[in-house]
Amino acid sequence: MENIEPNGRIADLVGILYVLNFIFKDRTDLYRLEKELEVDIDDLMPIVYTAERLGYVSVADGDIWITDKGKEYIASGLNKRKEMLRDSIIQLEPFNTASELKEFTLQEIYEKLLEKGIQTYNTPSGMRDLEVILIEWGLYSGMLRKTEDGFIFSLKK
């Protein structure tokens, strides 16, 4: 199962989509995108991978382009963006596992991901990275709610 990259942020996703759509008129090579955004390729690639997994961009032979789904995302209002994000991230980890657990602590989802063989968060900063992803992507999209002890999976809009 694919996952949201630990260093991929929603703000970066929106930035890439806007730059691809409005500056490059849909398509460019990764080198030009890196220069336009004034970031190092190591900082760019986590969000590129995540955007591709979400279906908002496609990448091949060093080129990147915004998909119709990506164009719809940036043309939409906030509520529609959240809905699109929910529909997209449910396919990715850690949200697929969150949907299975329903209610969980950070430690519980971490252990469940390891049981599934997902090693993305098995790093010195892994627990923190996982928490940031759950909060940033999960709470923003409305897929998760934060409790005193952990999280509750909820697809309420």
C-alpha atoms as a PDB file:
ATOM      1  CA  MET A   1       0.000   0.000   0.000  1.00  0.00           C
ATOM      2  CA  GLU A   2       1.288   3.433  -0.871  1.00  0.00           C
ATOM      3  CA  ASN A   3       1.514   6.213   1.667  1.00  0.00           C
ATOM      4  CA  ILE A   4       1.633   9.935   2.095  1.00  0.00           C
ATOM      5  CA  GLU A   5       5.275  10.917   2.230  1.00  0.00           C
ATOM      6  CA  PRO A   6       6.362  12.074   5.694  1.00  0.00           C
ATOM      7  CA  ASN A   7       7.641  15.392   4.319  1.00  0.00           C
ATOM      8  CA  GLY A   8       4.673  16.059   2.031  1.00  0.00           C
ATOM      9  CA  ARG A   9       2.510  18.961   3.175  1.00  0.00           C
ATOM     10  CA  ILE A  10      -0.887  20.163   1.952  1.00  0.00           C
ATOM     11  CA  ALA A  11       0.407  23.703   1.395  1.00  0.00           C
ATOM     12  CA  ASP A  12       3.159  22.282  -0.811  1.00  0.00           C
ATOM     13  CA  LEU A  13       0.585  20.281  -2.753  1.00  0.00           C
ATOM     14  CA  VAL A  14      -1.481  23.377  -3.473  1.00  0.00           C
ATOM     15  CA  GLY A  15       1.661  25.310  -4.404  1.00  0.00           C
ATOM     16  CA  ILE A  16       2.795  22.726  -6.940  1.00  0.00           C
ATOM     17  CA  LEU A  17      -0.658  22.509  -8.492  1.00  0.00           C
ATOM     18  CA  TYR A  18      -0.926  26.285  -8.829  1.00  0.00           C
ATOM     19  CA  VAL A  19       2.553  26.622 -10.332  1.00  0.00           C
ATOM     20  CA  LEU A  20       1.951  23.801 -12.802  1.00  0.00           C
ATOM     21  CA  ASN A  21      -1.419  25.150 -13.842  1.00  0.00           C
ATOM     22  CA  PHE A  22      -0.813  28.889 -13.959  1.00  0.00           C
ATOM     23  CA  ILE A  23       2.921  29.361 -14.550  1.00  0.00           C
ATOM     24  CA  PHE A  24       3.793  26.350 -16.661  1.00  0.00           C
ATOM     25  CA  LYS A  25       0.367  25.965 -18.300  1.00  0.00           C
ATOM     26  CA  ASP A  26      -0.001  22.346 -17.156  1.00  0.00           C
ATOM     27  CA  ARG A  27       3.401  20.742 -17.799  1.00  0.00           C
ATOM     28  CA  THR A  28       7.139  21.187 -17.193  1.00  0.00           C
ATOM     29  CA  ASP A  29      10.190  19.192 -16.283  1.00  0.00           C
ATOM     30  CA  LEU A  30      11.054  18.580 -12.658  1.00  0.00           C
ATOM     31  CA  TYR A  31      14.241  20.640 -12.910  1.00  0.00           C
ATOM     32  CA  ARG A  32      12.319  23.753 -14.022  1.00  0.00           C
ATOM     33  CA  LEU A  33       9.703  23.191 -11.315  1.00  0.00           C
ATOM     34  CA  GLU A  34      12.459  22.891  -8.716  1.00  0.00           C
ATOM     35  CA  LYS A  35      13.988  26.180  -9.887  1.00  0.00           C
ATOM     36  CA  GLU A  36      10.633  27.992  -9.995  1.00  0.00           C
ATOM     37  CA  LEU A  37       9.753  26.890  -6.469  1.00  0.00           C
ATOM     38  CA  GLU A  38      13.295  27.609  -5.255  1.00  0.00           C
ATOM     39  CA  VAL A  39      13.558  24.305  -3.411  1.00  0.00           C
ATOM     40  CA  ASP A  40      16.028  21.481  -3.411  1.00  0.00           C
ATOM     41  CA  ILE A  41      14.980  18.367  -5.308  1.00  0.00           C
ATOM     42  CA  ASP A  42      15.088  16.394  -2.034  1.00  0.00           C
ATOM     43  CA  ASP A  43      12.459  18.743  -0.608  1.00  0.00           C
ATOM     44  CA  LEU A  44      10.370  18.700  -3.785  1.00  0.00           C
ATOM     45  CA  MET A  45      10.092  14.969  -4.371  1.00  0.00           C
ATOM     46  CA  PRO A  46       8.075  13.957  -1.271  1.00  0.00           C
ATOM     47  CA  ILE A  47       5.178  16.184  -2.324  1.00  0.00           C
ATOM     48  CA  VAL A  48       5.550  15.163  -5.984  1.00  0.00           C
ATOM     49  CA  TYR A  49       5.251  11.504  -4.956  1.00  0.00           C
ATOM     50  CA  THR A  50       2.258  12.251  -2.750  1.00  0.00           C
ATOM     51  CA  ALA A  51       0.557  14.393  -5.414  1.00  0.00           C
ATOM     52  CA  GLU A  52       1.045  11.585  -7.919  1.00  0.00           C
ATOM     53  CA  ARG A  53      -0.372   8.985  -5.519  1.00  0.00           C
ATOM     54  CA  LEU A  54      -3.394  11.239  -4.987  1.00  0.00           C
ATOM     55  CA  GLY A  55      -3.878  11.458  -8.753  1.00  0.00           C
ATOM     56  CA  TYR A  56      -3.331  15.231  -8.929  1.00  0.00           C
ATOM     57  CA  VAL A  57      -0.166  15.083 -11.058  1.00  0.00           C
ATOM     58  CA  SER A  58       1.531  12.596 -13.337  1.00  0.00           C
ATOM     59  CA  VAL A  59       5.263  12.145 -13.694  1.00  0.00           C
ATOM     60  CA  ALA A  60       7.225  10.410 -16.454  1.00  0.00           C
ATOM     61  CA  ASP A  61      10.661  10.769 -18.031  1.00  0.00           C
ATOM     62  CA  GLY A  62      11.565  13.755 -15.840  1.00  0.00           C
ATOM     63  CA  ASP A  63       8.382  15.671 -16.736  1.00  0.00           C
ATOM     64  CA  ILE A  64       5.504  16.541 -14.438  1.00  0.00           C
ATOM     65  CA  TRP A  65       2.008  17.670 -15.401  1.00  0.00           C
ATOM     66  CA  ILE A  66      -1.209  18.462 -13.625  1.00  0.00           C
ATOM     67  CA  THR A  67      -4.064  16.024 -14.191  1.00  0.00           C
ATOM     68  CA  ASP A  68      -7.731  16.867 -14.667  1.00  0.00           C
ATOM     69  CA  LYS A  69      -8.258  15.856 -11.042  1.00  0.00           C
ATOM     70  CA  GLY A  70      -5.526  18.303  -9.983  1.00  0.00           C
ATOM     71  CA  LYS A  71      -7.133  21.076 -12.021  1.00  0.00           C
ATOM     72  CA  GLU A  72     -10.495  20.339 -10.432  1.00  0.00           C
ATOM     73  CA  TYR A  73      -8.892  20.480  -6.991  1.00  0.00           C
ATOM     74  CA  ILE A  74      -7.427  23.962  -7.420  1.00  0.00           C
ATOM     75  CA  ALA A  75     -10.580  25.253  -9.128  1.00  0.00           C
ATOM     76  CA  SER A  76     -12.764  24.095  -6.230  1.00  0.00           C
ATOM     77  CA  GLY A  77     -13.825  25.812  -3.049  1.00  0.00           C
ATOM     78  CA  LEU A  78     -12.621  24.723   0.375  1.00  0.00           C
ATOM     79  CA  ASN A  79     -15.393  22.199   1.088  1.00  0.00           C
ATOM     80  CA  LYS A  80     -14.984  20.482  -2.273  1.00  0.00           C
ATOM     81  CA  ARG A  81     -11.194  20.375  -1.787  1.00  0.00           C
ATOM     82  CA  LYS A  82     -11.649  18.676   1.576  1.00  0.00           C
ATOM     83  CA  GLU A  83     -14.061  16.168   0.036  1.00  0.00           C
ATOM     84  CA  MET A  84     -11.652  15.431  -2.817  1.00  0.00           C
ATOM     85  CA  LEU A  85      -8.805  15.039  -0.369  1.00  0.00           C
ATOM     86  CA  ARG A  86     -10.820  12.624   1.791  1.00  0.00           C
ATOM     87  CA  ASP A  87     -11.703  10.550  -1.268  1.00  0.00           C
ATOM     88  CA  SER A  88      -8.050  10.439  -2.295  1.00  0.00           C
ATOM     89  CA  ILE A  89      -6.198   9.865   0.986  1.00  0.00           C
ATOM     90  CA  ILE A  90      -8.427   6.979   2.116  1.00  0.00           C
ATOM     91  CA  GLN A  91      -6.538   4.909  -0.464  1.00  0.00           C
ATOM     92  CA  LEU A  92      -3.182   5.753   1.151  1.00  0.00           C
ATOM     93  CA  GLU A  93      -1.497   4.959   4.438  1.00  0.00           C
ATOM     94  CA  PRO A  94      -1.832   5.831   7.225  1.00  0.00           C
ATOM     95  CA  PHE A  95      -5.473   6.618   6.448  1.00  0.00           C
ATOM     96  CA  ASN A  96      -6.413   3.199   5.134  1.00  0.00           C
ATOM     97  CA  THR A  97      -5.303   1.740   8.469  1.00  0.00           C
ATOM     98  CA  ALA A  98      -7.067   4.537  10.363  1.00  0.00           C
ATOM     99  CA  SER A  99     -10.314   3.549   8.633  1.00  0.00           C
ATOM    100  CA  GLU A 100      -9.817  -0.041   9.817  1.00  0.00           C
ATOM    101  CA  LEU A 101      -9.029   0.915  13.419  1.00  0.00           C
ATOM    102  CA  LYS A 102     -11.822   3.523  13.731  1.00  0.00           C
ATOM    103  CA  GLU A 103     -10.496   4.814  17.082  1.00  0.00           C
ATOM    104  CA  PHE A 104      -6.814   4.678  17.990  1.00  0.00           C
ATOM    105  CA  THR A 105      -3.847   6.202  19.741  1.00  0.00           C
ATOM    106  CA  LEU A 106      -0.719   7.233  17.902  1.00  0.00           C
ATOM    107  CA  GLN A 107       1.087   4.185  19.306  1.00  0.00           C
ATOM    108  CA  GLU A 108      -1.687   1.824  18.161  1.00  0.00           C
ATOM    109  CA  ILE A 109      -1.696   3.011  14.560  1.00  0.00           C
ATOM    110  CA  TYR A 110       2.103   3.018  14.505  1.00  0.00           C
ATOM    111  CA  GLU A 111       2.190  -0.615  15.629  1.00  0.00           C
ATOM    112  CA  LYS A 112      -0.549  -1.610  13.175  1.00  0.00           C
ATOM    113  CA  LEU A 113       1.363  -0.035  10.285  1.00  0.00           C
ATOM    114  CA  LEU A 114       4.473  -1.973  11.303  1.00  0.00           C
ATOM    115  CA  GLU A 115       2.427  -5.203  11.470  1.00  0.00           C
ATOM    116  CA  LYS A 116       1.323  -4.527   7.892  1.00  0.00           C
ATOM    117  CA  GLY A 117       4.957  -4.187   6.871  1.00  0.00           C
ATOM    118  CA  ILE A 118       4.805  -0.424   6.317  1.00  0.00           C
ATOM    119  CA  GLN A 119       8.239   0.841   7.320  1.00  0.00           C
ATOM    120  CA  THR A 120       7.793   4.509   6.361  1.00  0.00           C
ATOM    121  CA  TYR A 121       7.484   5.614   9.984  1.00  0.00           C
ATOM    122  CA  ASN A 122      10.081   3.209  11.398  1.00  0.00           C
ATOM    123  CA  THR A 123      12.679   5.962  11.765  1.00  0.00           C
ATOM    124  CA  PRO A 124      13.930   8.103  14.656  1.00  0.00           C
ATOM    125  CA  SER A 125      11.394  10.803  13.706  1.00  0.00           C
ATOM    126  CA  GLY A 126       8.741   8.332  12.557  1.00  0.00           C
ATOM    127  CA  MET A 127       6.222   8.767  15.369  1.00  0.00           C
ATOM    128  CA  ARG A 128       6.387  12.544  15.030  1.00  0.00           C
ATOM    129  CA  ASP A 129       6.068  12.315  11.226  1.00  0.00           C
ATOM    130  CA  LEU A 130       3.049  10.046  11.588  1.00  0.00           C
ATOM    131  CA  GLU A 131       1.401  12.411  14.049  1.00  0.00           C
ATOM    132  CA  VAL A 132       1.965  15.403  11.744  1.00  0.00           C
ATOM    133  CA  ILE A 133       0.450  13.542   8.784  1.00  0.00           C
ATOM    134  CA  LEU A 134      -2.572  12.421  10.797  1.00  0.00           C
ATOM    135  CA  ILE A 135      -3.163  15.953  12.030  1.00  0.00           C
ATOM    136  CA  GLU A 136      -2.365  17.876   8.870  1.00  0.00           C
ATOM    137  CA  TRP A 137      -4.036  15.658   6.282  1.00  0.00           C
ATOM    138  CA  GLY A 138      -6.591  13.841   8.455  1.00  0.00           C
ATOM    139  CA  LEU A 139      -7.949  16.711  10.502  1.00  0.00           C
ATOM    140  CA  TYR A 140      -7.832  19.181   7.609  1.00  0.00           C
ATOM    141  CA  SER A 141      -9.812  16.844   5.346  1.00  0.00           C
ATOM    142  CA  GLY A 142     -12.330  16.068   8.079  1.00  0.00           C
ATOM    143  CA  MET A 143     -11.481  12.367   7.981  1.00  0.00           C
ATOM    144  CA  LEU A 144     -10.151  12.309  11.538  1.00  0.00           C
ATOM    145  CA  ARG A 145     -11.090  13.944  14.787  1.00  0.00           C
ATOM    146  CA  LYS A 146      -8.579  14.453  17.575  1.00  0.00           C
ATOM    147  CA  THR A 147      -9.431  13.231  21.053  1.00  0.00           C
ATOM    148  CA  GLU A 148      -7.573  13.597  24.312  1.00  0.00           C
ATOM    149  CA  ASP A 149      -6.080  10.118  23.870  1.00  0.00           C
ATOM    150  CA  GLY A 150      -5.777   9.827  20.105  1.00  0.00           C
ATOM    151  CA  PHE A 151      -7.921   9.945  16.998  1.00  0.00           C
ATOM    152  CA  ILE A 152     -11.340   8.903  15.729  1.00  0.00           C
ATOM    153  CA  PHE A 153     -11.913   8.045  12.096  1.00  0.00           C
ATOM    154  CA  SER A 154     -14.962   9.843  10.749  1.00  0.00           C
ATOM    155  CA  LEU A 155     -16.009  10.651   7.213  1.00  0.00           C
ATOM    156  CA  LYS A 156     -18.398  13.393   8.337  1.00  0.00           C
ATOM    157  CA  LYS A 157     -18.276  16.494   6.155  1.00  0.00           C
END
